[in-house]
Amino acid sequence: MARREKIQSAVRIAITAFVTLLLIIVTLGWIWTTSHQPPALRTASHVVLTIAALAGIFAVAKIWRRDTVR
């Protein structure tokens, strides 16, 4: 494996770890808002948390595509 590929893999792994942490926090936030916020605020929080989770999943999928970096 070339040096550049090793660096790319390390960066991809670091970003994936960060997004995994983000998804854990989103899950905990979802659980917390369900039991601690009134319905209107809960819905707004769930929308924001869902957008954050989808953005994280999209980012991980994008960085691990083979044709992303050349």
C-alpha atoms as a PDB file:
ATOM      1  CA  MET A   1       0.000   0.000   0.000  1.00  0.00           C
ATOM      2  CA  ALA A   2       1.413   3.364  -0.988  1.00  0.00           C
ATOM      3  CA  ARG A   3       2.002   6.127   1.535  1.00  0.00           C
ATOM      4  CA  ARG A   4      -0.786   8.238   0.041  1.00  0.00           C
ATOM      5  CA  GLU A   5      -3.271   5.357   0.379  1.00  0.00           C
ATOM      6  CA  LYS A   6      -2.264   4.847   4.011  1.00  0.00           C
ATOM      7  CA  ILE A   7      -2.848   8.523   4.766  1.00  0.00           C
ATOM      8  CA  GLN A   8      -6.187   8.472   2.954  1.00  0.00           C
ATOM      9  CA  SER A   9      -7.270   5.417   4.931  1.00  0.00           C
ATOM     10  CA  ALA A  10      -6.212   7.019   8.217  1.00  0.00           C
ATOM     11  CA  VAL A  11      -8.183  10.176   7.437  1.00  0.00           C
ATOM     12  CA  ARG A  12     -11.205   8.135   6.381  1.00  0.00           C
ATOM     13  CA  ILE A  13     -11.046   6.116   9.600  1.00  0.00           C
ATOM     14  CA  ALA A  14     -10.770   9.292  11.689  1.00  0.00           C
ATOM     15  CA  ILE A  15     -13.774  10.854   9.961  1.00  0.00           C
ATOM     16  CA  THR A  16     -15.746   7.632  10.348  1.00  0.00           C
ATOM     17  CA  ALA A  17     -14.928   7.542  14.068  1.00  0.00           C
ATOM     18  CA  PHE A  18     -16.079  11.143  14.431  1.00  0.00           C
ATOM     19  CA  VAL A  19     -19.335  10.434  12.589  1.00  0.00           C
ATOM     20  CA  THR A  20     -19.890   7.330  14.718  1.00  0.00           C
ATOM     21  CA  LEU A  21     -19.551   9.522  17.806  1.00  0.00           C
ATOM     22  CA  LEU A  22     -21.998  11.977  16.218  1.00  0.00           C
ATOM     23  CA  LEU A  23     -24.518   9.175  15.635  1.00  0.00           C
ATOM     24  CA  ILE A  24     -24.195   8.022  19.253  1.00  0.00           C
ATOM     25  CA  ILE A  25     -24.839  11.572  20.457  1.00  0.00           C
ATOM     26  CA  VAL A  26     -27.795  11.899  18.061  1.00  0.00           C
ATOM     27  CA  THR A  27     -29.272   8.672  19.446  1.00  0.00           C
ATOM     28  CA  LEU A  28     -28.830   9.837  23.031  1.00  0.00           C
ATOM     29  CA  GLY A  29     -30.322  13.217  22.120  1.00  0.00           C
ATOM     30  CA  TRP A  30     -33.312  11.528  20.495  1.00  0.00           C
ATOM     31  CA  ILE A  31     -33.906   9.456  23.644  1.00  0.00           C
ATOM     32  CA  TRP A  32     -33.505  12.472  25.920  1.00  0.00           C
ATOM     33  CA  THR A  33     -35.806  14.754  23.922  1.00  0.00           C
ATOM     34  CA  THR A  34     -38.497  12.079  23.805  1.00  0.00           C
ATOM     35  CA  SER A  35     -38.825  12.084  27.566  1.00  0.00           C
ATOM     36  CA  HIS A  36     -37.884  15.663  28.506  1.00  0.00           C
ATOM     37  CA  GLN A  37     -39.482  17.997  25.960  1.00  0.00           C
ATOM     38  CA  PRO A  38     -43.059  18.948  25.133  1.00  0.00           C
ATOM     39  CA  PRO A  39     -44.404  17.632  21.801  1.00  0.00           C
ATOM     40  CA  ALA A  40     -43.728  20.756  19.683  1.00  0.00           C
ATOM     41  CA  LEU A  41     -40.128  21.086  20.845  1.00  0.00           C
ATOM     42  CA  ARG A  42     -39.648  17.332  20.603  1.00  0.00           C
ATOM     43  CA  THR A  43     -40.658  17.345  16.944  1.00  0.00           C
ATOM     44  CA  ALA A  44     -38.303  20.209  16.138  1.00  0.00           C
ATOM     45  CA  SER A  45     -35.450  18.491  17.967  1.00  0.00           C
ATOM     46  CA  HIS A  46     -36.108  15.226  16.164  1.00  0.00           C
ATOM     47  CA  VAL A  47     -36.013  16.991  12.802  1.00  0.00           C
ATOM     48  CA  VAL A  48     -32.640  18.580  13.591  1.00  0.00           C
ATOM     49  CA  LEU A  49     -31.236  15.323  14.977  1.00  0.00           C
ATOM     50  CA  THR A  50     -32.436  13.409  11.917  1.00  0.00           C
ATOM     51  CA  ILE A  51     -30.797  15.924   9.572  1.00  0.00           C
ATOM     52  CA  ALA A  52     -27.537  15.623  11.514  1.00  0.00           C
ATOM     53  CA  ALA A  53     -27.655  11.813  11.373  1.00  0.00           C
ATOM     54  CA  LEU A  54     -28.414  11.758   7.644  1.00  0.00           C
ATOM     55  CA  ALA A  55     -25.615  14.233   6.941  1.00  0.00           C
ATOM     56  CA  GLY A  56     -23.179  12.070   8.886  1.00  0.00           C
ATOM     57  CA  ILE A  57     -24.231   8.896   7.091  1.00  0.00           C
ATOM     58  CA  PHE A  58     -23.978  10.682   3.730  1.00  0.00           C
ATOM     59  CA  ALA A  59     -20.479  11.923   4.599  1.00  0.00           C
ATOM     60  CA  VAL A  60     -19.242   8.458   5.551  1.00  0.00           C
ATOM     61  CA  ALA A  61     -20.729   6.929   2.412  1.00  0.00           C
ATOM     62  CA  LYS A  62     -19.141   9.659   0.290  1.00  0.00           C
ATOM     63  CA  ILE A  63     -15.624   9.405   1.739  1.00  0.00           C
ATOM     64  CA  TRP A  64     -15.492   5.621   1.394  1.00  0.00           C
ATOM     65  CA  ARG A  65     -16.446   5.609  -2.299  1.00  0.00           C
ATOM     66  CA  ARG A  66     -13.576   4.363  -4.424  1.00  0.00           C
ATOM     67  CA  ASP A  67     -13.839   7.135  -7.009  1.00  0.00           C
ATOM     68  CA  THR A  68     -13.792   9.983  -4.471  1.00  0.00           C
ATOM     69  CA  VAL A  69     -10.019  10.486  -4.329  1.00  0.00           C
ATOM     70  CA  ARG A  70      -7.665  10.016  -7.250  1.00  0.00           C
END
